[in-house]
C-alpha cells in the first residue's frame, strides 16, 4: 500500500475545504494526511507494526525517531494532529467555534511540515532497502 500517495488527496481536500470555509473538514483532512504520511515511513520500516492499526501520531513519531532525526516541530505537530484527529470528526456543535480559518491554516502548515520531514529526513537509505528486500546480487 502506498500511504504516501494516498496522503495527496486529503492534503488537497484540506486546502479546498479551507478555501470553501469548511474549517473543521479542512483540519480533519489535514490530520488524515499527516496520519498517512507518518504511516508511509512506518510501513517502509516495519509494515506489520501495531502502530499501523491506530492513529497514535505521537507514538508513530517516537518510533520513527529511532531511525531518523528528532525534530521538536514535528513532535508538536504530531501531538496536535492526534488530538484533532478525533475532535475534527466527532465534534459537538458547540465545539465548532474552535475550527477557524487560522486553525485550518495551521493544520495545512503542519501537513506540509510532516511531508517535508518524510521527504527530507526520513529517506530510505540503500541499507534500509537491502534490509527490506534482500541484498542485491552484483
Protein backbone atom coordinates (compact mmCIF):
# COMPACT_ATOMS: atom_id res chain seq x y z
CA UNK A 1 0.00 0.00 0.00
CA UNK A 2 1.35 3.42 -0.90
CA UNK A 3 0.44 5.52 2.13
CA UNK A 4 2.47 8.44 0.81
CA UNK A 5 0.50 8.56 -2.44
CA UNK A 6 -2.77 8.19 -0.52
CA UNK A 7 -1.89 11.29 1.52
CA UNK A 8 -2.09 13.55 -1.54
CA UNK A 9 -5.89 13.55 -1.78
CA UNK A 10 -6.58 14.59 1.83
CA UNK A 11 -3.84 17.25 1.55
CA UNK A 12 -5.64 18.75 -1.44
CA UNK A 13 -9.01 18.34 0.29
CA UNK A 14 -7.68 20.26 3.32
CA UNK A 15 -6.77 23.19 1.09
CA UNK A 16 -10.06 23.08 -0.85
CA UNK A 17 -12.16 22.78 2.31
CA UNK A 18 -10.35 25.74 3.87
CA UNK A 19 -10.99 27.84 0.77
CA UNK A 20 -14.70 26.93 0.98
CA UNK A 21 -14.90 27.92 4.64
CA UNK A 22 -15.24 24.32 5.80
CA UNK A 23 -12.63 24.67 8.52
CA UNK A 24 -13.49 21.58 10.56
CA UNK A 25 -13.26 19.39 7.48
CA UNK A 26 -10.02 21.10 6.48
CA UNK A 27 -8.49 20.21 9.85
CA UNK A 28 -9.88 16.68 9.55
CA UNK A 29 -8.33 16.17 6.14
CA UNK A 30 -5.00 17.59 7.34
CA UNK A 31 -4.90 15.12 10.23
CA UNK A 32 -5.69 12.27 7.84
CA UNK A 33 -2.88 13.36 5.53
CA UNK A 34 -0.47 13.52 8.50
CA UNK A 35 -1.58 10.04 9.56
CA UNK A 36 -0.87 8.64 6.10
CA UNK A 37 2.45 10.44 5.71
CA UNK A 38 3.74 9.13 9.04
CA UNK A 39 2.48 5.63 8.33
CA UNK A 40 4.30 5.67 4.99
CA UNK A 41 7.57 5.71 6.96
CA UNK A 42 6.47 3.05 9.46
CA UNK A 43 5.26 0.84 6.63
CA UNK A 44 8.67 1.03 4.97
CA UNK A 45 10.45 0.19 8.24
CA UNK A 46 8.10 -2.47 9.62
CA UNK A 47 4.84 -2.97 7.69
CA UNK A 48 3.21 -5.15 10.34
CA UNK A 49 3.95 -2.87 13.30
CA UNK A 50 0.99 -2.31 15.65
CA UNK A 51 1.22 1.46 15.04
CA UNK A 52 -0.14 0.86 11.54
CA UNK A 53 -3.53 -0.02 13.04
CA UNK A 54 -4.23 3.12 15.08
CA UNK A 55 -3.82 6.86 14.94
CA UNK A 56 -1.19 7.43 17.62
CA UNK A 57 0.68 10.15 15.73
CA UNK A 58 2.99 10.98 18.65
CA UNK A 59 3.78 7.29 19.09
CA UNK A 60 4.50 6.92 15.39
CA UNK A 61 6.90 9.87 15.52
CA UNK A 62 8.65 8.34 18.55
CA UNK A 63 9.02 5.08 16.62
CA UNK A 64 10.35 6.88 13.54
CA UNK A 65 12.85 8.79 15.67
CA UNK A 66 14.60 5.51 16.45
CA UNK A 67 15.99 5.66 12.90
CA UNK A 68 15.63 9.24 11.78
CA UNK A 69 16.28 12.72 13.26
CA UNK A 70 14.23 14.13 16.11
CA UNK A 71 12.53 17.45 15.45
CA UNK A 72 10.56 19.32 18.08
CA UNK A 73 8.29 20.93 15.48
CA UNK A 74 7.37 17.51 14.10
CA UNK A 75 6.63 16.21 17.60
CA UNK A 76 4.43 19.23 18.29
CA UNK A 77 2.53 18.82 15.01
CA UNK A 78 2.04 15.09 15.66
CA UNK A 79 0.62 15.72 19.14
CA UNK A 80 -1.85 18.30 17.85
CA UNK A 81 -2.73 16.09 14.90
CA UNK A 82 -3.60 13.22 17.22
CA UNK A 83 -5.74 15.47 19.40
CA UNK A 84 -7.65 16.92 16.47
CA UNK A 85 -7.86 13.64 14.54
CA UNK A 86 -10.80 12.64 16.71
CA UNK A 87 -12.07 16.12 17.61
CA UNK A 88 -12.45 17.20 14.00
CA UNK A 89 -14.51 14.14 13.15
CA UNK A 90 -16.72 13.82 16.21
CA UNK A 91 -17.23 17.37 17.44
CA UNK A 92 -20.25 18.57 19.29
CA UNK A 93 -21.89 21.53 17.63
CA UNK A 94 -20.82 23.84 20.48
CA UNK A 95 -17.18 22.95 19.70
CA UNK A 96 -17.40 24.06 16.08
CA UNK A 97 -16.28 27.58 17.00
CA UNK A 98 -12.82 26.11 17.63
CA UNK A 99 -12.43 25.38 13.92
CA UNK A 100 -11.35 28.69 12.42
CA UNK A 101 -9.54 29.76 9.27
CA UNK A 102 -6.38 30.16 11.36
CA UNK A 103 -6.63 26.63 12.76
CA UNK A 104 -7.18 25.28 9.25
CA UNK A 105 -4.14 27.22 8.03
CA UNK A 106 -2.09 25.92 10.95
CA UNK A 107 -3.00 22.32 10.14
CA UNK A 108 -2.25 22.74 6.46
CA UNK A 109 1.17 24.02 7.57
CA UNK A 110 1.60 21.03 9.89
CA UNK A 111 0.83 18.74 6.98
CA UNK A 112 3.49 20.42 4.86
CA UNK A 113 5.95 20.20 7.77
CA UNK A 114 5.34 16.46 8.14
CA UNK A 115 5.61 15.94 4.39
CA UNK A 116 8.91 17.82 4.35
CA UNK A 117 10.15 15.69 7.28
CA UNK A 118 9.18 12.48 5.49
CA UNK A 119 10.68 13.66 2.19
CA UNK A 120 13.95 15.03 3.51
CA UNK A 121 14.73 13.47 6.88
CA UNK A 122 13.21 10.01 6.54
CA UNK A 123 14.58 8.99 3.17
CA UNK A 124 15.21 5.30 2.74
CA UNK A 125 18.89 4.50 2.51
CA UNK A 126 20.37 1.72 0.44
CA UNK A 127 20.85 -0.22 3.69
CA UNK A 128 17.15 0.22 4.53
CA UNK A 129 16.11 -1.10 1.14
CA UNK A 130 18.53 -4.03 1.25
CA UNK A 131 17.26 -4.96 4.70
CA UNK A 132 13.68 -4.87 3.47
CA UNK A 133 14.13 -6.51 0.06
CA UNK A 134 17.32 -8.52 0.49
CA UNK A 135 20.81 -7.97 -0.82
CA UNK A 136 21.25 -7.22 -4.48
CA UNK A 137 23.32 -9.67 -6.47
CA UNK A 138 26.19 -7.96 -8.22
